[in-house]
């Protein structure tokens, strides 16, 4: 998984994506999602580092079947809130 962290005025933004999703575009009839290097490119991380980042995130964007399934298993994402976009999964979290 690839993780980025960015401090924003609203808090910590974390992105997580599968390595093979980076640079890809996923589409449905209504939605197109491009996993850009600019937004999702970061450091390859193990599950412990991903857990640490997501635990501190105010907002997170998660793309890729492995990454989203990991976030579900780790308790950060409710499976009912996951979007299937083309051949991948996408989830967002917001902590108020």
N, C-alpha and C. Protein backbone atom coordinates (compact mmCIF):
# COMPACT_ATOMS: atom_id res chain seq x y z
N UNK A 1 0.84 -1.17 0.00
CA UNK A 1 0.00 0.00 0.00
C UNK A 1 0.89 1.24 0.00
N UNK A 2 0.39 2.29 -0.62
CA UNK A 2 1.11 3.57 -0.67
C UNK A 2 0.34 4.56 0.20
N UNK A 3 1.06 5.28 1.05
CA UNK A 3 0.44 6.22 1.98
C UNK A 3 1.05 7.60 1.80
N UNK A 4 0.18 8.62 1.86
CA UNK A 4 0.64 10.00 1.95
C UNK A 4 -0.05 10.66 3.13
N UNK A 5 0.61 11.64 3.70
CA UNK A 5 0.04 12.46 4.76
C UNK A 5 0.27 13.92 4.40
N UNK A 6 -0.78 14.71 4.56
CA UNK A 6 -0.66 16.14 4.27
C UNK A 6 -1.44 16.91 5.32
N UNK A 7 -0.76 17.83 5.99
CA UNK A 7 -1.44 18.70 6.95
C UNK A 7 -2.21 19.76 6.18
N UNK A 8 -3.47 19.95 6.53
CA UNK A 8 -4.32 20.97 5.92
C UNK A 8 -4.88 21.84 7.04
N UNK A 9 -5.48 22.98 6.72
CA UNK A 9 -6.10 23.79 7.76
C UNK A 9 -7.19 23.03 8.53
N UNK A 10 -7.78 22.02 7.90
CA UNK A 10 -8.85 21.25 8.53
C UNK A 10 -8.33 20.04 9.31
N UNK A 11 -7.04 19.73 9.19
CA UNK A 11 -6.47 18.57 9.89
C UNK A 11 -5.64 17.72 8.95
N UNK A 12 -5.33 16.52 9.39
CA UNK A 12 -4.46 15.63 8.63
C UNK A 12 -5.24 14.87 7.56
N UNK A 13 -4.81 15.03 6.30
CA UNK A 13 -5.37 14.30 5.17
C UNK A 13 -4.44 13.14 4.87
N UNK A 14 -5.00 11.93 4.87
CA UNK A 14 -4.24 10.72 4.57
C UNK A 14 -4.82 10.07 3.33
N UNK A 15 -3.95 9.67 2.41
CA UNK A 15 -4.39 8.86 1.28
C UNK A 15 -3.70 7.51 1.36
N UNK A 16 -4.45 6.49 0.97
CA UNK A 16 -3.92 5.13 0.91
C UNK A 16 -4.38 4.54 -0.40
N UNK A 17 -3.48 3.92 -1.14
CA UNK A 17 -3.89 3.24 -2.36
C UNK A 17 -3.05 2.00 -2.60
N UNK A 18 -3.62 1.08 -3.34
CA UNK A 18 -2.87 -0.10 -3.77
C UNK A 18 -1.79 0.35 -4.74
N UNK A 19 -0.64 -0.30 -4.68
CA UNK A 19 0.45 0.07 -5.58
C UNK A 19 0.05 -0.05 -7.04
N UNK A 20 -0.72 -1.07 -7.37
CA UNK A 20 -1.09 -1.27 -8.78
C UNK A 20 -2.22 -0.35 -9.24
N UNK A 21 -2.82 0.42 -8.31
CA UNK A 21 -3.87 1.37 -8.68
C UNK A 21 -3.30 2.73 -9.08
N UNK A 22 -2.09 3.03 -8.62
CA UNK A 22 -1.48 4.33 -8.89
C UNK A 22 -1.33 4.54 -10.40
N UNK A 23 -1.86 5.66 -10.88
CA UNK A 23 -1.80 5.99 -12.30
C UNK A 23 -2.95 5.46 -13.11
N UNK A 24 -3.83 4.68 -12.49
CA UNK A 24 -4.96 4.09 -13.20
C UNK A 24 -6.21 4.96 -13.09
N UNK A 25 -7.13 4.78 -14.03
CA UNK A 25 -8.44 5.43 -13.99
C UNK A 25 -9.49 4.34 -13.91
N UNK A 26 -10.43 4.50 -12.99
CA UNK A 26 -11.52 3.55 -12.79
C UNK A 26 -12.83 4.28 -13.05
N UNK A 27 -13.76 3.62 -13.74
CA UNK A 27 -14.99 4.30 -14.14
C UNK A 27 -16.22 3.42 -13.97
N UNK A 28 -17.33 4.09 -13.68
CA UNK A 28 -18.66 3.51 -13.79
C UNK A 28 -19.43 4.45 -14.71
N UNK A 29 -20.72 4.21 -14.87
CA UNK A 29 -21.52 5.10 -15.70
C UNK A 29 -21.53 6.53 -15.17
N UNK A 30 -21.50 6.68 -13.84
CA UNK A 30 -21.66 7.99 -13.22
C UNK A 30 -20.38 8.60 -12.66
N UNK A 31 -19.36 7.78 -12.44
CA UNK A 31 -18.19 8.24 -11.70
C UNK A 31 -16.90 7.82 -12.42
N UNK A 32 -15.93 8.74 -12.41
CA UNK A 32 -14.59 8.43 -12.91
C UNK A 32 -13.59 8.83 -11.82
N UNK A 33 -12.69 7.93 -11.49
CA UNK A 33 -11.69 8.18 -10.46
C UNK A 33 -10.31 7.89 -11.04
N UNK A 34 -9.46 8.93 -11.09
CA UNK A 34 -8.08 8.75 -11.54
C UNK A 34 -7.18 8.82 -10.32
N UNK A 35 -6.39 7.81 -10.12
CA UNK A 35 -5.49 7.71 -8.96
C UNK A 35 -4.16 8.33 -9.37
N UNK A 36 -4.05 9.64 -9.17
CA UNK A 36 -2.90 10.39 -9.66
C UNK A 36 -1.71 10.31 -8.70
N UNK A 37 -0.52 10.41 -9.29
CA UNK A 37 0.71 10.47 -8.51
C UNK A 37 0.70 11.71 -7.62
N UNK A 38 0.16 12.82 -8.12
CA UNK A 38 0.14 14.07 -7.36
C UNK A 38 -0.63 13.95 -6.05
N UNK A 39 -1.74 13.22 -6.06
CA UNK A 39 -2.57 13.12 -4.86
C UNK A 39 -2.27 11.86 -4.05
N UNK A 40 -2.08 10.74 -4.71
CA UNK A 40 -1.92 9.46 -4.02
C UNK A 40 -0.48 8.96 -3.94
N UNK A 41 0.43 9.57 -4.68
CA UNK A 41 1.81 9.10 -4.68
C UNK A 41 2.49 9.38 -3.36
N UNK A 42 3.15 8.41 -2.81
CA UNK A 42 3.81 8.59 -1.51
C UNK A 42 4.75 7.45 -1.25
N UNK A 43 4.80 7.02 -0.01
CA UNK A 43 5.72 5.97 0.42
C UNK A 43 5.00 4.63 0.50
N UNK A 44 5.68 3.58 0.07
CA UNK A 44 5.16 2.23 0.28
C UNK A 44 5.21 1.96 1.78
N UNK A 45 4.11 1.46 2.33
CA UNK A 45 4.01 1.28 3.77
C UNK A 45 3.44 -0.09 4.11
N UNK A 46 3.85 -0.59 5.27
CA UNK A 46 3.29 -1.86 5.75
C UNK A 46 1.99 -1.58 6.50
N UNK A 47 1.32 -2.65 6.92
CA UNK A 47 0.02 -2.51 7.58
C UNK A 47 0.10 -1.68 8.85
N UNK A 48 1.18 -1.82 9.60
CA UNK A 48 1.33 -1.06 10.84
C UNK A 48 1.39 0.44 10.56
N UNK A 49 2.14 0.84 9.55
CA UNK A 49 2.25 2.26 9.20
C UNK A 49 0.92 2.79 8.67
N UNK A 50 0.22 1.99 7.88
CA UNK A 50 -1.09 2.40 7.37
C UNK A 50 -2.06 2.60 8.54
N UNK A 51 -2.06 1.67 9.47
CA UNK A 51 -2.92 1.78 10.65
C UNK A 51 -2.62 3.06 11.42
N UNK A 52 -1.34 3.35 11.63
CA UNK A 52 -0.93 4.55 12.36
C UNK A 52 -1.42 5.81 11.65
N UNK A 53 -1.25 5.87 10.34
CA UNK A 53 -1.68 7.04 9.58
C UNK A 53 -3.19 7.21 9.63
N UNK A 54 -3.93 6.14 9.39
CA UNK A 54 -5.40 6.23 9.40
C UNK A 54 -5.93 6.59 10.79
N UNK A 55 -5.26 6.13 11.84
CA UNK A 55 -5.70 6.44 13.20
C UNK A 55 -5.56 7.93 13.51
N UNK A 56 -4.62 8.60 12.85
CA UNK A 56 -4.40 10.03 13.09
C UNK A 56 -5.12 10.93 12.10
N UNK A 57 -5.72 10.35 11.07
CA UNK A 57 -6.32 11.13 9.98
C UNK A 57 -7.59 11.83 10.41
N UNK A 58 -7.72 13.07 9.97
CA UNK A 58 -9.00 13.78 10.06
C UNK A 58 -9.85 13.38 8.87
N UNK A 59 -9.23 13.31 7.71
CA UNK A 59 -9.88 12.90 6.46
C UNK A 59 -8.98 11.88 5.79
N UNK A 60 -9.58 10.83 5.23
CA UNK A 60 -8.78 9.89 4.45
C UNK A 60 -9.51 9.51 3.17
N UNK A 61 -8.72 9.26 2.15
CA UNK A 61 -9.19 8.75 0.86
C UNK A 61 -8.44 7.45 0.62
N UNK A 62 -9.20 6.38 0.37
CA UNK A 62 -8.61 5.05 0.26
C UNK A 62 -9.08 4.43 -1.05
N UNK A 63 -8.13 3.97 -1.88
CA UNK A 63 -8.45 3.40 -3.18
C UNK A 63 -7.72 2.08 -3.36
N UNK A 64 -8.43 1.12 -3.91
CA UNK A 64 -7.84 -0.18 -4.20
C UNK A 64 -8.46 -1.26 -3.34
N UNK A 65 -8.66 -2.40 -3.91
CA UNK A 65 -9.32 -3.49 -3.19
C UNK A 65 -8.57 -3.86 -1.93
N UNK A 66 -7.27 -4.05 -2.01
CA UNK A 66 -6.49 -4.44 -0.83
C UNK A 66 -6.54 -3.35 0.24
N UNK A 67 -6.34 -2.10 -0.16
CA UNK A 67 -6.30 -1.00 0.80
C UNK A 67 -7.65 -0.82 1.50
N UNK A 68 -8.73 -0.85 0.73
CA UNK A 68 -10.06 -0.67 1.32
C UNK A 68 -10.41 -1.85 2.21
N UNK A 69 -10.14 -3.06 1.76
CA UNK A 69 -10.43 -4.23 2.60
C UNK A 69 -9.62 -4.19 3.89
N UNK A 70 -8.38 -3.72 3.82
CA UNK A 70 -7.58 -3.58 5.04
C UNK A 70 -8.21 -2.55 5.97
N UNK A 71 -8.64 -1.41 5.43
CA UNK A 71 -9.26 -0.37 6.26
C UNK A 71 -10.55 -0.87 6.91
N UNK A 72 -11.29 -1.73 6.22
CA UNK A 72 -12.49 -2.33 6.81
C UNK A 72 -12.09 -3.25 7.96
N UNK A 73 -11.14 -4.16 7.71
CA UNK A 73 -10.69 -5.11 8.73
C UNK A 73 -10.12 -4.40 9.96
N UNK A 74 -9.46 -3.27 9.74
CA UNK A 74 -8.85 -2.52 10.84
C UNK A 74 -9.86 -1.64 11.58
N UNK A 75 -11.09 -1.57 11.08
CA UNK A 75 -12.14 -0.83 11.77
C UNK A 75 -12.25 0.64 11.41
N UNK A 76 -11.59 1.08 10.37
CA UNK A 76 -11.65 2.48 9.98
C UNK A 76 -12.81 2.78 9.03
N UNK A 77 -13.26 1.78 8.28
CA UNK A 77 -14.29 1.95 7.26
C UNK A 77 -15.39 0.93 7.48
N UNK A 78 -16.64 1.37 7.36
CA UNK A 78 -17.79 0.48 7.38
C UNK A 78 -18.02 -0.01 5.95
N UNK A 79 -18.11 -1.31 5.78
CA UNK A 79 -18.26 -1.89 4.45
C UNK A 79 -19.46 -1.31 3.69
N UNK A 80 -20.49 -0.89 4.41
CA UNK A 80 -21.68 -0.33 3.77
C UNK A 80 -21.40 1.00 3.09
N UNK A 81 -20.28 1.64 3.44
CA UNK A 81 -19.94 2.95 2.89
C UNK A 81 -18.89 2.88 1.78
N UNK A 82 -18.62 1.70 1.27
CA UNK A 82 -17.61 1.51 0.24
C UNK A 82 -18.26 1.60 -1.14
N UNK A 83 -17.60 2.32 -2.04
CA UNK A 83 -18.05 2.41 -3.43
C UNK A 83 -17.25 1.46 -4.30
N UNK A 84 -17.93 0.80 -5.21
CA UNK A 84 -17.25 0.00 -6.22
C UNK A 84 -17.21 0.85 -7.48
N UNK A 85 -16.00 1.18 -7.92
CA UNK A 85 -15.82 2.01 -9.11
C UNK A 85 -15.01 1.19 -10.11
N UNK A 86 -15.66 0.76 -11.15
CA UNK A 86 -14.99 -0.11 -12.11
C UNK A 86 -14.53 -1.37 -11.42
N UNK A 87 -13.24 -1.66 -11.54
CA UNK A 87 -12.70 -2.89 -10.97
C UNK A 87 -12.03 -2.68 -9.61
N UNK A 88 -12.31 -1.54 -8.96
CA UNK A 88 -11.67 -1.28 -7.68
C UNK A 88 -12.68 -0.80 -6.65
N UNK A 89 -12.20 -0.60 -5.43
CA UNK A 89 -13.02 -0.09 -4.34
C UNK A 89 -12.49 1.27 -3.90
N UNK A 90 -13.40 2.11 -3.37
CA UNK A 90 -13.02 3.43 -2.89
C UNK A 90 -13.79 3.72 -1.61
N UNK A 91 -13.11 4.33 -0.65
CA UNK A 91 -13.76 4.74 0.59
C UNK A 91 -13.14 6.04 1.07
N UNK A 92 -13.93 6.79 1.81
CA UNK A 92 -13.45 8.02 2.44
C UNK A 92 -13.86 7.98 3.91
N UNK A 93 -13.05 8.60 4.74
CA UNK A 93 -13.42 8.76 6.14
C UNK A 93 -13.30 10.23 6.51
N UNK A 94 -14.10 10.62 7.49
CA UNK A 94 -14.07 11.98 8.02
C UNK A 94 -14.29 11.89 9.51
N UNK A 95 -13.35 12.41 10.27
CA UNK A 95 -13.47 12.42 11.73
C UNK A 95 -13.75 13.86 12.15
N UNK A 96 -14.86 14.05 12.84
CA UNK A 96 -15.24 15.39 13.30
C UNK A 96 -14.83 15.61 14.73
